[in-house]
Amino acid sequence: MKSAQDGYCFSFPAVRGIQAGKPFYIATCPLSTIPKIFVFDEDEVPPELRAQRTLNKARIPEMVRYLVDNPDDYVFSALTVSVASSVSFDESEHSESSNLGTLRIPMNAQILINDGQHRRAAIEAALKERPELAYDNIPVLFFVDEGLTRSQQMFADLNKYAVKPSPSLAALYDSRDESSELARYLAQKVKPFAGFTEMEKSSISSKSGKLFTLSSLKQANRALFGKGMKDCFTEQEKQLAAEFWQAVYESTPEWQMVINKQLAPSQFRQEYVHAHGVGLHALGSLGCALITAQPDEWKETIKQLINVDWKKSNPIWANRSMLHGKLSKAATNIMLTTNALKHVLSLSLTPDERALENQYIPNSEASNG
């Protein structure tokens, strides 16, 4: 549509609002218009002359897959953009509110994305695979730009207080991720997780009555089956996971003592390695090796876990779970902790595990705790 003042314009039904004494506008835009209208400062522009960070292209494929695989059940939050031009707002004649109307932006205006450049790139790529997405809409928050300095400050302000949800909370709410679903099931049905799993936070306070975080349980299950982040779980694997952790529970006196209120969770976390993510993850890795080596006898062999001295003060955990007196959940420490458990169960180390022993453990020989 053409405006007498600005020539040809983009027109968006919009709602006008006020922040800090300045107007802003909220509109919905078809996905098909997003790549055409909204631009992003290219990588070659120096940071001091941009209003955004450079595009992290590694993030795009996962977002594209999310859109393409869930065309009937996806959610994309609003884009926030700056319009480097004057705009006009025509109030609706059919509304009692003066803040409902049509936002008109000159077609030659530069519209820069302050927040949402990765969503924009993902939309552009997803439309090539699923053209029907073009008719969907996304909310857009328009600010009238007051120059580069203002746009840069907007970017800083928008990201200053942005906080990602904790991994545990993300696992609690993610219905698409099968490893999250498995962790939720175990946290509700299987000892020692039922009633003792922190479902929101990814760390546990000293006074908490919980033992494990949902995110740690999720990681331990991936280790149990050697799964990656996007791998699926079969029903048989879900049942096997429940059987495995139940068997571990029955061979772990301290877990039983906590469940039976004979040992306080706070004391358990303070004194024992298997009260923490590194121990849980190592048990998952141990289970993977054990079930692979002994698919029919593993339930009998796992009973030998009762011989493990899990106390942090046990020298076996030095340079494994414990570094300079503190627990470490680095990948190397998880593997070294798993090595010690494999020794207790008389399982052979792989060449990589043996090399790690030789590199980090004095005398390169695990004791049985």
Protein backbone atom coordinates (compact mmCIF):
# COMPACT_ATOMS: atom_id res chain seq x y z
CA MET A 1 0.00 0.00 0.00
CA LYS A 2 1.22 3.50 -0.84
CA SER A 3 1.53 6.36 1.61
CA ALA A 4 1.67 9.95 0.44
CA GLN A 5 4.49 10.65 2.85
CA ASP A 6 6.63 7.53 2.55
CA GLY A 7 5.83 6.05 -0.85
CA TYR A 8 5.16 2.31 -0.94
CA CYS A 9 4.82 0.73 2.51
CA PHE A 10 4.56 -2.55 4.31
CA SER A 11 1.30 -2.64 6.25
CA PHE A 12 0.74 -4.72 9.40
CA PRO A 13 -2.35 -4.90 11.61
CA ALA A 14 -0.82 -3.96 14.94
CA VAL A 15 -1.27 -2.96 18.54
CA ARG A 16 0.50 0.16 19.81
CA GLY A 17 2.02 0.40 23.25
CA ILE A 18 4.32 2.66 25.23
CA GLN A 19 7.61 1.80 26.93
CA ALA A 20 9.85 4.42 28.54
CA GLY A 21 7.73 7.11 26.91
CA LYS A 22 8.32 5.74 23.41
CA PRO A 23 5.81 3.91 21.20
CA PHE A 24 6.31 0.32 20.10
CA TYR A 25 4.13 -1.92 17.98
CA ILE A 26 3.16 -5.59 18.09
CA ALA A 27 2.14 -7.28 14.86
CA THR A 28 1.82 -10.76 13.41
CA CYS A 29 3.65 -11.47 10.18
CA PRO A 30 3.40 -14.45 7.80
CA LEU A 31 6.52 -16.59 7.91
CA SER A 32 6.90 -16.05 4.17
CA THR A 33 7.64 -12.36 4.76
CA ILE A 34 10.28 -12.86 7.44
CA PRO A 35 13.30 -13.56 5.17
CA LYS A 36 12.22 -10.85 2.74
CA ILE A 37 11.60 -7.98 5.12
CA PHE A 38 13.88 -8.49 8.10
CA VAL A 39 17.61 -8.34 7.55
CA PHE A 40 20.52 -9.18 9.77
CA ASP A 41 23.88 -7.38 9.93
CA GLU A 42 26.25 -9.56 7.96
CA ASP A 43 29.35 -11.13 9.49
CA GLU A 44 31.75 -8.91 7.62
CA VAL A 45 30.51 -5.80 9.39
CA PRO A 46 32.79 -5.05 12.40
CA PRO A 47 31.17 -5.61 15.82
CA GLU A 48 31.39 -1.94 16.72
CA LEU A 49 29.28 -1.10 13.66
CA ARG A 50 26.69 -3.82 14.24
CA ALA A 51 23.68 -4.04 16.53
CA GLN A 52 23.88 -7.84 16.91
CA ARG A 53 26.26 -10.73 17.45
CA THR A 54 27.40 -12.75 14.46
CA LEU A 55 25.17 -15.58 13.36
CA ASN A 56 26.13 -18.92 14.88
CA LYS A 57 25.34 -21.11 11.91
CA ALA A 58 25.81 -24.30 13.93
CA ARG A 59 22.56 -23.52 15.77
CA ILE A 60 20.46 -23.29 12.63
CA PRO A 61 20.08 -26.96 11.51
CA GLU A 62 18.59 -28.07 14.83
CA MET A 63 16.06 -25.22 14.73
CA VAL A 64 15.19 -26.04 11.12
CA ARG A 65 14.59 -29.69 12.01
CA TYR A 66 12.36 -28.59 14.86
CA LEU A 67 10.18 -26.58 12.47
CA VAL A 68 10.17 -29.16 9.70
CA ASP A 69 9.46 -32.12 11.98
CA ASN A 70 6.74 -30.38 14.01
CA PRO A 71 4.70 -28.32 11.56
CA ASP A 72 1.53 -28.81 13.60
CA ASP A 73 3.07 -28.45 17.04
CA TYR A 74 5.90 -25.90 17.18
CA VAL A 75 6.29 -22.64 19.07
CA PHE A 76 8.53 -19.75 18.04
CA SER A 77 8.69 -16.67 20.24
CA ALA A 78 8.45 -13.13 18.90
CA LEU A 79 11.15 -11.38 16.92
CA THR A 80 12.26 -7.98 18.17
CA VAL A 81 13.26 -5.53 15.46
CA SER A 82 14.29 -1.92 14.98
CA VAL A 83 12.95 0.16 12.10
CA ALA A 84 15.54 2.63 10.86
CA SER A 85 12.91 5.04 9.57
CA SER A 86 9.87 7.00 10.61
CA VAL A 87 6.65 4.99 10.62
CA SER A 88 2.96 5.82 10.66
CA PHE A 89 0.16 4.25 12.64
CA ASP A 90 -3.43 4.56 11.42
CA GLU A 91 -5.89 4.04 14.23
CA SER A 92 -8.73 1.65 13.45
CA GLU A 93 -12.10 3.25 12.82
CA HIS A 94 -13.86 0.10 14.01
CA SER A 95 -12.31 -0.12 17.46
CA GLU A 96 -12.93 1.80 20.64
CA SER A 97 -9.23 1.59 21.42
CA SER A 98 -6.89 4.13 19.87
CA ASN A 99 -4.08 1.59 20.12
CA LEU A 100 -5.49 -0.81 17.53
CA GLY A 101 -4.73 -0.03 13.93
CA THR A 102 -2.37 -0.45 11.01
CA LEU A 103 1.37 0.06 11.19
CA ARG A 104 2.90 1.37 7.95
CA ILE A 105 6.62 1.04 7.32
CA PRO A 106 8.35 2.38 4.19
CA MET A 107 9.53 -0.43 1.92
CA ASN A 108 12.93 1.21 1.65
CA ALA A 109 13.36 1.27 5.43
CA GLN A 110 16.03 -0.93 6.93
CA ILE A 111 14.56 -3.27 9.54
CA LEU A 112 17.20 -4.87 11.76
CA ILE A 113 16.63 -7.80 14.08
CA ASN A 114 17.63 -7.11 17.67
CA ASP A 115 16.53 -10.48 18.98
CA GLY A 116 15.70 -13.54 16.86
CA GLN A 117 18.27 -13.62 14.07
CA HIS A 118 18.68 -17.41 14.45
CA ARG A 119 14.91 -17.90 14.28
CA ARG A 120 14.82 -15.80 11.12
CA ALA A 121 17.55 -17.93 9.48
CA ALA A 122 15.80 -21.14 10.55
CA ILE A 123 12.49 -19.93 9.12
CA GLU A 124 14.14 -19.12 5.81
CA ALA A 125 15.69 -22.60 5.58
CA ALA A 126 12.59 -24.43 6.81
CA LEU A 127 10.40 -22.76 4.18
CA LYS A 128 12.50 -24.42 1.48
CA GLU A 129 11.66 -27.85 2.90
CA ARG A 130 8.08 -27.12 3.96
CA PRO A 131 6.64 -24.32 1.80
CA GLU A 132 3.28 -24.71 3.54
CA LEU A 133 4.79 -23.06 6.62
CA ALA A 134 4.66 -19.79 4.68
CA TYR A 135 1.05 -19.27 5.78
CA ASP A 136 1.85 -19.51 9.49
CA ASN A 137 2.46 -16.36 11.51
CA ILE A 138 5.00 -15.17 14.04
CA PRO A 139 4.66 -12.20 16.38
CA VAL A 140 7.01 -9.29 15.79
CA LEU A 141 7.78 -6.48 18.21
CA PHE A 142 8.67 -3.26 16.33
CA PHE A 143 10.71 -0.43 17.83
CA VAL A 144 11.43 2.77 15.94
CA ASP A 145 15.21 2.95 15.68
CA GLU A 146 17.06 5.96 17.05
CA GLY A 147 20.42 5.04 15.58
CA LEU A 148 23.12 2.41 16.01
CA THR A 149 23.87 3.26 19.63
CA ARG A 150 20.24 2.73 20.62
CA SER A 151 20.05 -0.58 18.69
CA GLN A 152 23.22 -1.85 20.35
CA GLN A 153 21.85 -0.90 23.76
CA MET A 154 18.59 -2.69 22.95
CA PHE A 155 20.53 -5.86 22.15
CA ALA A 156 22.44 -5.60 25.44
CA ASP A 157 19.27 -4.94 27.42
CA LEU A 158 17.31 -7.78 25.79
CA ASN A 159 20.04 -10.32 26.55
CA LYS A 160 21.21 -8.99 29.92
CA TYR A 161 18.45 -10.67 31.87
CA ALA A 162 17.74 -13.62 29.59
CA VAL A 163 18.11 -16.84 31.59
CA LYS A 164 17.93 -20.26 30.02
CA PRO A 165 15.86 -22.81 31.94
CA SER A 166 17.92 -25.28 33.93
CA PRO A 167 18.59 -28.63 32.21
CA SER A 168 16.36 -30.33 34.78
CA LEU A 169 13.43 -27.99 34.13
CA ALA A 170 13.92 -28.36 30.38
CA ALA A 171 13.84 -32.16 30.80
CA LEU A 172 10.72 -31.91 32.95
CA TYR A 173 8.75 -30.03 30.28
CA ASP A 174 10.21 -31.51 27.07
CA SER A 175 7.68 -34.03 25.77
CA ARG A 176 9.52 -34.55 22.48
CA ASP A 177 12.83 -35.74 23.95
CA GLU A 178 12.61 -39.45 24.73
CA SER A 179 15.53 -39.36 27.17
CA SER A 180 13.64 -36.71 29.14
CA GLU A 181 10.53 -38.88 29.07
CA LEU A 182 12.50 -41.86 30.38
CA ALA A 183 14.04 -39.78 33.16
CA ARG A 184 10.59 -38.52 34.20
CA TYR A 185 9.23 -42.06 34.26
CA LEU A 186 12.05 -43.33 36.47
CA ALA A 187 11.75 -40.29 38.73
CA GLN A 188 8.12 -41.20 39.35
CA LYS A 189 8.20 -45.00 39.47
CA VAL A 190 11.60 -46.47 40.37
CA LYS A 191 13.64 -46.48 43.57
CA PRO A 192 15.71 -44.60 44.60
CA PHE A 193 14.52 -41.84 42.25
CA ALA A 194 10.81 -41.75 43.09
CA GLY A 195 10.28 -38.91 45.51
CA PHE A 196 13.99 -38.11 45.68
CA THR A 197 14.60 -36.42 42.32
CA GLU A 198 14.96 -32.65 41.99
CA MET A 199 12.73 -31.91 39.01
CA GLU A 200 13.47 -28.22 38.43
CA LYS A 201 16.98 -27.32 39.49
CA SER A 202 20.24 -28.76 38.21
CA SER A 203 21.94 -28.50 41.56
CA ILE A 204 20.78 -29.53 45.00
CA SER A 205 21.04 -27.31 48.06
CA SER A 206 22.70 -28.61 51.20
CA LYS A 207 19.38 -28.72 53.07
CA SER A 208 17.35 -30.36 50.31
CA GLY A 209 15.71 -33.73 50.85
CA LYS A 210 16.39 -34.74 47.24
CA LEU A 211 19.20 -37.02 46.08
CA PHE A 212 19.50 -36.59 42.32
CA THR A 213 18.62 -34.05 39.66
CA LEU A 214 16.43 -34.96 36.71
CA SER A 215 19.17 -33.81 34.34
CA SER A 216 21.72 -36.14 35.99
CA LEU A 217 19.32 -39.06 35.70
CA LYS A 218 18.76 -38.21 32.03
CA GLN A 219 22.52 -38.22 31.37
CA ALA A 220 22.99 -41.48 33.27
CA ASN A 221 20.33 -43.17 31.12
CA ARG A 222 22.05 -42.03 27.95
CA ALA A 223 25.28 -43.51 29.28
CA LEU A 224 23.47 -46.75 30.15
CA PHE A 225 22.53 -47.30 26.52
CA GLY A 226 25.36 -45.39 24.82
CA LYS A 227 22.83 -42.95 23.38
CA GLY A 228 23.38 -39.51 21.91
CA MET A 229 21.22 -36.47 22.56
CA LYS A 230 18.81 -37.18 19.70
CA ASP A 231 18.68 -40.98 19.87
CA CYS A 232 15.42 -42.75 20.62
CA PHE A 233 14.63 -45.36 23.26
CA THR A 234 12.67 -48.55 22.58
CA GLU A 235 10.07 -49.85 25.00
CA GLN A 236 12.43 -52.73 25.77
CA GLU A 237 15.18 -50.27 26.68
CA LYS A 238 12.84 -48.33 28.94
CA GLN A 239 11.93 -51.52 30.77
CA LEU A 240 15.59 -52.51 30.97
CA ALA A 241 16.47 -49.12 32.45
CA ALA A 242 13.89 -49.62 35.20
CA GLU A 243 15.22 -53.10 35.92
CA PHE A 244 18.83 -51.92 35.97
CA TRP A 245 18.32 -49.04 38.39
CA GLN A 246 16.16 -51.20 40.63
CA ALA A 247 18.96 -53.79 40.71
CA VAL A 248 21.53 -51.10 41.51
CA TYR A 249 19.30 -49.83 44.31
CA GLU A 250 19.07 -53.31 45.82
CA SER A 251 22.88 -53.55 45.83
CA THR A 252 23.51 -50.10 47.29
CA PRO A 253 22.97 -49.98 51.07
CA GLU A 254 23.35 -46.19 51.37
CA TRP A 255 20.57 -45.55 48.87
CA GLN A 256 18.35 -47.89 50.85
CA MET A 257 19.28 -46.16 54.11
CA VAL A 258 18.20 -42.80 52.72
CA ILE A 259 14.92 -44.18 51.41
CA ASN A 260 14.26 -45.81 54.78
CA LYS A 261 15.13 -42.58 56.61
CA GLN A 262 18.17 -44.10 58.30
CA LEU A 263 20.53 -41.65 56.61
CA ALA A 264 19.79 -37.98 56.00
CA PRO A 265 20.05 -36.90 52.34
CA SER A 266 22.28 -33.97 53.35
CA GLN A 267 24.73 -36.30 55.12
CA PHE A 268 24.59 -38.71 52.20
CA ARG A 269 25.58 -35.97 49.74
CA GLN A 270 28.29 -34.70 52.04
CA GLU A 271 30.01 -38.06 52.51
CA TYR A 272 29.40 -40.27 49.46
CA VAL A 273 30.32 -40.19 45.78
CA HIS A 274 27.19 -42.00 44.56
CA ALA A 275 25.02 -39.23 45.95
CA HIS A 276 26.13 -37.04 43.04
CA GLY A 277 25.92 -36.89 39.27
CA VAL A 278 29.42 -38.26 38.69
CA GLY A 279 28.53 -41.45 40.56
CA LEU A 280 25.17 -41.82 38.86
CA HIS A 281 26.68 -41.25 35.41
CA ALA A 282 29.46 -43.75 36.13
CA LEU A 283 26.89 -46.34 37.19
CA GLY A 284 25.09 -45.80 33.88
CA SER A 285 28.35 -46.31 31.98
CA LEU A 286 29.08 -49.40 34.06
CA GLY A 287 25.65 -50.78 33.21
CA CYS A 288 26.28 -50.30 29.50
CA ALA A 289 29.50 -52.34 29.67
CA LEU A 290 28.03 -54.97 32.00
CA ILE A 291 24.82 -55.64 30.05
CA THR A 292 26.78 -55.77 26.79
CA ALA A 293 29.27 -58.28 28.23
CA GLN A 294 26.76 -60.31 30.25
CA PRO A 295 23.29 -59.92 28.74
CA ASP A 296 21.95 -62.91 30.68
CA GLU A 297 23.98 -62.75 33.91
CA TRP A 298 24.22 -59.02 34.62
CA LYS A 299 21.60 -59.06 37.39
CA GLU A 300 23.72 -61.47 39.37
CA THR A 301 26.98 -59.64 38.72
CA ILE A 302 25.56 -56.23 39.68
CA LYS A 303 25.11 -57.54 43.23
CA GLN A 304 28.87 -57.13 43.68
CA LEU A 305 28.30 -53.37 43.92
CA ILE A 306 27.62 -54.00 47.60
CA ASN A 307 31.41 -54.33 47.99
CA VAL A 308 32.07 -50.75 46.85
CA ASP A 309 33.15 -48.24 49.50
CA TRP A 310 31.54 -45.08 48.13
CA LYS A 311 32.85 -42.72 50.80
CA LYS A 312 34.60 -39.67 49.40
CA SER A 313 37.43 -40.32 51.85
CA ASN A 314 38.19 -43.65 50.18
CA PRO A 315 41.55 -43.24 48.37
CA ILE A 316 40.20 -45.13 45.35
CA TRP A 317 38.27 -42.03 44.29
CA ALA A 318 41.31 -39.72 44.36
CA ASN A 319 42.02 -38.49 40.81
CA ARG A 320 38.85 -40.26 39.71
CA SER A 321 35.68 -38.72 41.15
CA MET A 322 37.67 -36.43 43.45
CA LEU A 323 40.13 -33.74 42.34
CA HIS A 324 41.86 -31.73 45.05
CA GLY A 325 39.21 -32.78 47.53
CA LYS A 326 36.24 -31.83 45.33
CA LEU A 327 33.96 -33.84 43.09
CA SER A 328 34.42 -33.46 39.35
CA LYS A 329 31.94 -34.48 36.67
CA ALA A 330 34.28 -33.98 33.73
CA ALA A 331 34.12 -36.73 31.11
CA THR A 332 37.57 -37.99 32.11
CA ASN A 333 36.57 -38.27 35.76
CA ILE A 334 33.36 -40.13 34.89
CA MET A 335 35.34 -42.64 32.85
CA LEU A 336 37.93 -43.10 35.61
CA THR A 337 35.15 -43.61 38.14
CA THR A 338 33.57 -46.17 35.82
CA ASN A 339 36.94 -47.94 35.56
CA ALA A 340 37.05 -48.43 39.32
CA LEU A 341 33.54 -49.89 39.30
CA LYS A 342 34.41 -52.21 36.41
CA HIS A 343 37.34 -53.52 38.44
CA VAL A 344 35.01 -54.36 41.33
CA LEU A 345 32.77 -56.31 38.96
CA SER A 346 35.79 -57.96 37.25
CA LEU A 347 34.99 -56.38 33.90
CA SER A 348 37.84 -55.78 31.46
CA LEU A 349 38.85 -52.25 30.55
CA THR A 350 38.86 -51.16 26.94
CA PRO A 351 42.19 -49.98 25.47
CA ASP A 352 41.06 -46.36 25.83
CA GLU A 353 40.07 -46.93 29.45
CA ARG A 354 43.38 -48.62 30.20
CA ALA A 355 45.28 -45.75 28.56
CA LEU A 356 43.35 -43.31 30.76
CA GLU A 357 44.30 -45.34 33.84
CA ASN A 358 47.97 -45.22 32.87
CA GLN A 359 47.78 -41.48 32.32
CA TYR A 360 45.92 -40.35 35.44
CA ILE A 361 46.11 -43.05 38.12
CA PRO A 362 49.32 -43.78 40.05
CA ASN A 363 50.44 -47.36 39.46
CA SER A 364 47.58 -47.56 36.90
CA GLU A 365 45.86 -50.25 38.92
CA ALA A 366 42.35 -49.80 40.31
CA SER A 367 41.71 -51.14 43.76
CA ASN A 368 38.44 -52.77 44.69
CA GLY A 369 37.49 -50.18 47.29
